[in-house]
Amino acid sequence: MANDKMLQQMREKPGFIAALDQSGGSTPGALRQYGIPESDYSGDADMFRLMHEMRVRIISAPAFTGEKVIGAILFEQTMDGQAHGKPVPAFLWEDRGVVPFLKVDKGLESEADGVRLMKPNPGLDALLERASKAGIFGTKMRSVIERASASGIAAIAQQQFDVGAQISAKGLVPILEPEVSIKAPDKAEAEALLRDELLKGLDALPDSRNVMIKLTIPDTPDFYKPLIDHPRVVRVVALSGGYSRSDACERLTHNHGMIASFSRALINDLTKQMSDAEFDATLAASIDEIYKASVQKS
């Protein structure tokens, strides 16, 4: 089965996960970075069309294969789109050897008790059923920790595991993403609280359930090793969180068993105006740098 092969790849294969899941709020900024100002499009449909073209250009590049990019996280409209005459998830897996994931959260609530929980998502079951039919392997959902609030972080972890159970029930593997803001004034303390809450949640999972976890690179090297070693965890991946690519990669090299799942740090140097040769070479260099940080540890 494809899912068994995908699970094996996620567990064992060297490489990293590309996060290509910018959604409504972050899309204008991503397009500006790519060289497309807001004056070049009108309305959401036009904006998402341009974003889709950018993503297809990325996943079609020669270096974007399962040799180094073992997975890719998609936005819902990317999942529903086409690449070279195929649905994007099928193109990724069948043509590129890249495991497809889907971003499923609907954004963040306002900050309360030092955290930003995920907004309610009443349409999640229907989305998960569509994703499963489309060949999606797993999902990703993000919440944010702004400061070291024990009660707030407990609520974040509980929500992640609760929604994760809903996702697992549909046969998909959830990536839990409780991001600790790199601007948190007590980041290390927040990471300690988060690690304890995640371990409690993992210990309570039945043996039949697996999760992945996406985390901010910790201040203390190998701090999340107990999560990486946990039998219910398929993989622990790192978000770049606003660090530059060079800084994020350097920090990642000190965390054994943790691989990258970068977004801006992967694609920030790419522009629409580049020739295909320049675009492909720039992306290949970025992929090489992130791959090395994911597999070669100091």
Protein backbone atom coordinates (compact mmCIF):
# COMPACT_ATOMS: atom_id res chain seq x y z
CA MET A 1 0.00 0.00 0.00
CA ALA A 2 1.12 3.56 -0.74
CA ASN A 3 0.42 4.60 2.86
CA ASP A 4 2.75 1.90 4.21
CA LYS A 5 5.52 3.11 1.92
CA MET A 6 4.84 6.71 2.90
CA LEU A 7 4.97 5.82 6.60
CA GLN A 8 8.27 4.01 6.11
CA GLN A 9 9.68 7.02 4.26
CA MET A 10 8.57 9.36 7.05
CA ARG A 11 10.07 7.14 9.72
CA GLU A 12 13.37 6.27 8.14
CA LYS A 13 14.42 8.22 5.08
CA PRO A 14 17.03 10.98 5.40
CA GLY A 15 15.79 14.35 4.23
CA PHE A 16 13.35 17.10 5.19
CA ILE A 17 9.78 18.28 4.67
CA ALA A 18 9.03 21.34 2.54
CA ALA A 19 6.28 23.55 4.00
CA LEU A 20 4.40 24.95 1.00
CA ASP A 21 1.25 25.79 2.93
CA GLN A 22 1.02 29.58 3.06
CA SER A 23 -2.69 30.41 3.23
CA GLY A 24 -4.90 33.49 2.92
CA GLY A 25 -3.25 35.82 5.43
CA SER A 26 0.35 35.06 4.52
CA THR A 27 -0.11 34.72 0.76
CA PRO A 28 0.32 38.42 -0.22
CA GLY A 29 3.62 38.56 1.64
CA ALA A 30 4.82 35.34 0.04
CA LEU A 31 3.93 36.67 -3.41
CA ARG A 32 5.68 39.98 -2.71
CA GLN A 33 8.80 38.05 -1.70
CA TYR A 34 8.47 36.12 -4.97
CA GLY A 35 8.37 39.37 -6.95
CA ILE A 36 4.61 39.76 -7.47
CA PRO A 37 3.22 42.95 -5.85
CA GLU A 38 -0.44 43.22 -4.86
CA SER A 39 -1.00 45.61 -7.77
CA ASP A 40 -0.42 42.66 -10.15
CA TYR A 41 -3.58 40.79 -9.15
CA SER A 42 -7.18 41.46 -8.19
CA GLY A 43 -9.09 39.38 -5.65
CA ASP A 44 -8.43 36.11 -3.89
CA ALA A 45 -8.98 33.88 -6.93
CA ASP A 46 -6.27 35.69 -8.89
CA MET A 47 -3.97 35.71 -5.86
CA PHE A 48 -4.32 31.97 -5.28
CA ARG A 49 -3.85 31.25 -8.99
CA LEU A 50 -0.48 33.01 -8.91
CA MET A 51 0.44 31.20 -5.68
CA HIS A 52 -0.43 27.88 -7.27
CA GLU A 53 1.76 28.65 -10.27
CA MET A 54 4.64 29.42 -7.91
CA ARG A 55 4.18 26.16 -6.00
CA VAL A 56 3.97 24.08 -9.18
CA ARG A 57 7.20 25.70 -10.35
CA ILE A 58 8.84 24.69 -7.07
CA ILE A 59 7.64 21.08 -6.99
CA SER A 60 8.54 20.64 -10.67
CA ALA A 61 12.16 21.73 -10.20
CA PRO A 62 14.76 18.98 -10.79
CA ALA A 63 16.04 19.12 -7.19
CA PHE A 64 12.57 18.79 -5.65
CA THR A 65 12.43 15.01 -5.35
CA GLY A 66 12.23 12.42 -2.60
CA GLU A 67 15.99 12.06 -2.70
CA LYS A 68 16.21 15.01 -0.30
CA VAL A 69 12.66 16.39 0.08
CA ILE A 70 10.83 13.47 1.68
CA GLY A 71 7.53 15.30 2.25
CA ALA A 72 5.65 18.47 1.37
CA ILE A 73 2.87 20.27 3.28
CA LEU A 74 0.18 21.72 1.02
CA PHE A 75 -2.51 24.35 1.34
CA GLU A 76 -6.05 23.09 0.64
CA GLN A 77 -6.29 24.79 -2.74
CA THR A 78 -2.94 23.32 -3.75
CA MET A 79 -4.22 19.85 -2.87
CA ASP A 80 -7.22 20.49 -5.12
CA GLY A 81 -5.08 21.81 -7.98
CA GLN A 82 -3.21 20.19 -10.85
CA ALA A 83 0.46 19.85 -11.74
CA HIS A 84 1.35 18.69 -15.25
CA GLY A 85 -2.07 17.15 -15.77
CA LYS A 86 -2.23 15.31 -12.44
CA PRO A 87 -3.70 16.17 -9.04
CA VAL A 88 -0.89 17.70 -6.99
CA PRO A 89 -0.78 14.94 -4.33
CA ALA A 90 -0.50 12.25 -7.03
CA PHE A 91 2.17 14.24 -8.88
CA LEU A 92 4.20 14.63 -5.69
CA TRP A 93 4.10 10.95 -4.73
CA GLU A 94 4.06 9.20 -8.09
CA ASP A 95 6.35 11.52 -10.07
CA ARG A 96 8.58 13.06 -7.39
CA GLY A 97 8.61 10.51 -4.56
CA VAL A 98 7.49 13.17 -2.07
CA VAL A 99 4.90 12.34 0.63
CA PRO A 100 1.97 14.83 0.56
CA PHE A 101 0.61 16.45 3.73
CA LEU A 102 -2.21 18.99 4.13
CA LYS A 103 -2.48 22.05 6.37
CA VAL A 104 -5.89 21.72 8.05
CA ASP A 105 -6.14 24.46 10.67
CA LYS A 106 -8.23 27.58 10.06
CA GLY A 107 -5.91 30.06 11.73
CA LEU A 108 -5.40 31.30 15.27
CA GLU A 109 -7.52 32.76 18.03
CA SER A 110 -6.40 35.98 19.71
CA GLU A 111 -3.78 35.56 22.44
CA ALA A 112 -5.12 34.46 25.82
CA ASP A 113 -3.14 33.09 28.77
CA GLY A 114 0.10 33.43 26.82
CA VAL A 115 -0.98 31.30 23.85
CA ARG A 116 -2.95 31.41 20.62
CA LEU A 117 -5.16 28.36 20.22
CA MET A 118 -6.48 27.16 16.87
CA LYS A 119 -9.83 28.51 15.75
CA PRO A 120 -12.80 26.11 15.70
CA ASN A 121 -12.86 23.94 12.58
CA PRO A 122 -16.37 22.50 12.09
CA GLY A 123 -15.63 21.36 8.54
CA LEU A 124 -12.58 19.29 9.49
CA ASP A 125 -14.14 15.83 9.06
CA ALA A 126 -15.27 16.64 5.52
CA LEU A 127 -11.85 18.06 4.66
CA LEU A 128 -10.11 14.97 6.03
CA GLU A 129 -12.31 12.71 3.93
CA ARG A 130 -11.44 14.71 0.80
CA ALA A 131 -7.77 14.62 1.71
CA SER A 132 -7.80 10.87 2.18
CA LYS A 133 -9.44 10.36 -1.23
CA ALA A 134 -6.85 12.69 -2.78
CA GLY A 135 -3.96 10.55 -1.53
CA ILE A 136 -2.85 12.79 1.32
CA PHE A 137 -0.81 10.93 3.97
CA GLY A 138 -0.98 13.32 6.90
CA THR A 139 -1.94 16.76 8.13
CA LYS A 140 -0.47 19.78 9.88
CA MET A 141 -2.08 22.23 12.30
CA ARG A 142 -0.42 25.17 14.03
CA SER A 143 -0.95 26.94 17.33
CA VAL A 144 1.44 29.41 18.97
CA ILE A 145 2.96 29.86 22.43
CA GLU A 146 3.90 33.48 23.21
CA ARG A 147 5.16 33.02 26.78
CA ALA A 148 5.75 30.35 29.43
CA SER A 149 2.25 29.99 30.82
CA ALA A 150 1.79 26.52 32.33
CA SER A 151 -2.00 26.56 31.96
CA GLY A 152 -1.87 28.05 28.46
CA ILE A 153 0.66 25.50 27.24
CA ALA A 154 -1.37 22.67 28.76
CA ALA A 155 -4.39 23.93 26.81
CA ILE A 156 -2.35 24.13 23.59
CA ALA A 157 -1.12 20.55 23.98
CA GLN A 158 -4.61 19.26 24.85
CA GLN A 159 -6.13 20.91 21.78
CA GLN A 160 -3.39 19.51 19.53
CA PHE A 161 -3.90 15.97 20.81
CA ASP A 162 -7.70 16.25 20.68
CA VAL A 163 -7.71 17.37 17.05
CA GLY A 164 -4.96 14.87 16.32
CA ALA A 165 -7.28 12.08 17.50
CA GLN A 166 -9.96 13.32 15.10
CA ILE A 167 -7.42 13.21 12.26
CA SER A 168 -6.11 9.77 13.18
CA ALA A 169 -9.68 8.45 13.18
CA LYS A 170 -9.82 9.29 9.45
CA GLY A 171 -6.68 7.27 8.75
CA LEU A 172 -4.27 10.20 8.42
CA VAL A 173 -1.13 10.93 10.44
CA PRO A 174 -1.31 14.32 12.19
CA ILE A 175 1.62 16.67 12.56
CA LEU A 176 1.07 18.47 15.87
CA GLU A 177 2.57 21.97 15.67
CA PRO A 178 2.59 23.91 18.96
CA GLU A 179 5.06 26.61 17.89
CA VAL A 180 7.02 28.45 20.57
CA SER A 181 7.56 31.99 19.30
CA ILE A 182 11.24 32.82 18.91
CA LYS A 183 10.29 36.21 20.40
CA ALA A 184 8.98 34.66 23.62
CA PRO A 185 10.83 36.38 26.52
CA ASP A 186 11.05 33.05 28.37
CA LYS A 187 11.44 30.72 25.38
CA ALA A 188 13.52 28.06 27.17
CA GLU A 189 11.03 27.86 30.03
CA ALA A 190 8.15 27.58 27.57
CA GLU A 191 9.97 24.75 25.81
CA ALA A 192 10.39 22.87 29.10
CA LEU A 193 6.67 23.18 29.87
CA LEU A 194 5.77 22.13 26.34
CA ARG A 195 8.03 19.09 26.37
CA ASP A 196 6.43 17.84 29.59
CA GLU A 197 2.89 18.32 28.25
CA LEU A 198 3.71 16.60 24.96
CA LEU A 199 5.26 13.63 26.75
CA LYS A 200 2.12 13.29 28.89
CA GLY A 201 -0.04 13.33 25.78
CA LEU A 202 2.16 10.83 23.96
CA ASP A 203 2.18 8.43 26.90
CA ALA A 204 -1.62 8.46 26.85
CA LEU A 205 -1.89 7.50 23.16
CA PRO A 206 -2.95 3.96 22.29
CA ASP A 207 -0.32 1.75 20.64
CA SER A 208 -2.24 1.91 17.37
CA ARG A 209 -1.86 5.68 17.01
CA ASN A 210 1.13 7.59 15.63
CA VAL A 211 1.82 11.31 15.39
CA MET A 212 4.49 13.61 14.08
CA ILE A 213 5.47 16.79 15.90
CA LYS A 214 6.65 20.10 14.44
CA LEU A 215 8.49 22.38 16.85
CA THR A 216 10.56 25.53 17.04
CA ILE A 217 14.26 24.67 17.22
CA PRO A 218 15.00 24.60 20.96
CA ASP A 219 17.49 26.84 22.75
CA THR A 220 19.14 23.77 24.34
CA PRO A 221 20.56 21.27 21.83
CA ASP A 222 18.80 17.87 21.80
CA PHE A 223 16.20 19.16 24.25
CA TYR A 224 13.44 17.32 22.41
CA LYS A 225 15.29 13.99 22.23
CA PRO A 226 12.71 12.32 24.57
CA LEU A 227 10.02 13.20 22.02
CA ILE A 228 12.14 11.96 19.11
CA ASP A 229 12.70 8.64 20.89
CA HIS A 230 9.06 8.14 21.90
CA PRO A 231 7.49 5.03 20.29
CA ARG A 232 4.33 6.91 19.26
CA VAL A 233 6.33 9.56 17.31
CA VAL A 234 7.02 8.99 13.62
CA ARG A 235 9.29 12.04 13.27
CA VAL A 236 10.02 15.34 14.96
CA VAL A 237 10.49 18.18 12.49
CA ALA A 238 11.63 21.77 12.95
CA LEU A 239 10.02 25.00 11.78
CA SER A 240 12.29 27.91 10.91
CA GLY A 241 10.10 30.30 12.94
CA GLY A 242 11.53 33.53 11.55
CA TYR A 243 15.19 32.57 11.78
CA SER A 244 17.16 33.06 8.58
CA ARG A 245 17.96 29.89 6.67
CA SER A 246 21.62 29.94 7.70
CA ASP A 247 20.73 30.52 11.36
CA ALA A 248 17.97 27.89 11.37
CA CYS A 249 20.23 25.35 9.69
CA GLU A 250 23.07 26.00 12.12
CA ARG A 251 20.73 25.55 15.09
CA LEU A 252 19.26 22.40 13.55
CA THR A 253 22.67 20.72 13.24
CA HIS A 254 22.85 20.58 17.06
CA ASN A 255 19.60 18.59 17.35
CA HIS A 256 20.12 14.91 16.55
CA GLY A 257 17.15 13.14 14.97
CA MET A 258 15.32 16.39 14.20
CA ILE A 259 14.79 17.28 10.54
CA ALA A 260 13.67 20.52 8.91
CA SER A 261 10.19 21.50 7.82
CA PHE A 262 10.95 24.99 6.56
CA SER A 263 8.75 27.40 4.62
CA ARG A 264 10.19 30.88 4.19
CA ALA A 265 13.70 29.62 4.86
CA LEU A 266 13.30 27.28 1.88
CA ILE A 267 11.87 29.62 -0.75
CA ASN A 268 12.85 33.18 0.24
CA ASP A 269 15.54 33.53 -2.43
CA LEU A 270 13.21 32.57 -5.31
CA THR A 271 11.61 35.14 -7.61
CA LYS A 272 9.23 34.93 -10.55
CA GLN A 273 11.63 36.95 -12.66
CA MET A 274 14.40 34.31 -12.51
CA SER A 275 15.08 32.21 -15.57
CA ASP A 276 14.22 28.54 -15.12
CA ALA A 277 17.92 27.70 -14.89
CA GLU A 278 18.54 30.34 -12.21
CA PHE A 279 15.39 29.39 -10.31
CA ASP A 280 16.27 25.69 -10.33
CA ALA A 281 19.87 26.32 -9.25
CA THR A 282 18.80 28.64 -6.41
CA LEU A 283 16.24 26.16 -5.14
CA ALA A 284 18.73 23.29 -5.42
CA ALA A 285 21.24 25.21 -3.27
CA SER A 286 18.57 25.88 -0.64
CA ILE A 287 17.50 22.23 -0.64
CA ASP A 288 21.12 21.09 -0.29
CA GLU A 289 21.72 23.38 2.69
CA ILE A 290 18.56 22.31 4.52
CA TYR A 291 19.12 18.63 3.72
CA LYS A 292 22.65 18.79 5.11
CA ALA A 293 21.43 20.38 8.35
CA SER A 294 18.76 17.71 8.65
CA VAL A 295 21.06 14.70 8.22
CA GLN A 296 24.58 15.82 9.22
CA LYS A 297 24.69 16.67 12.91
CA SER A 298 27.48 18.25 14.94
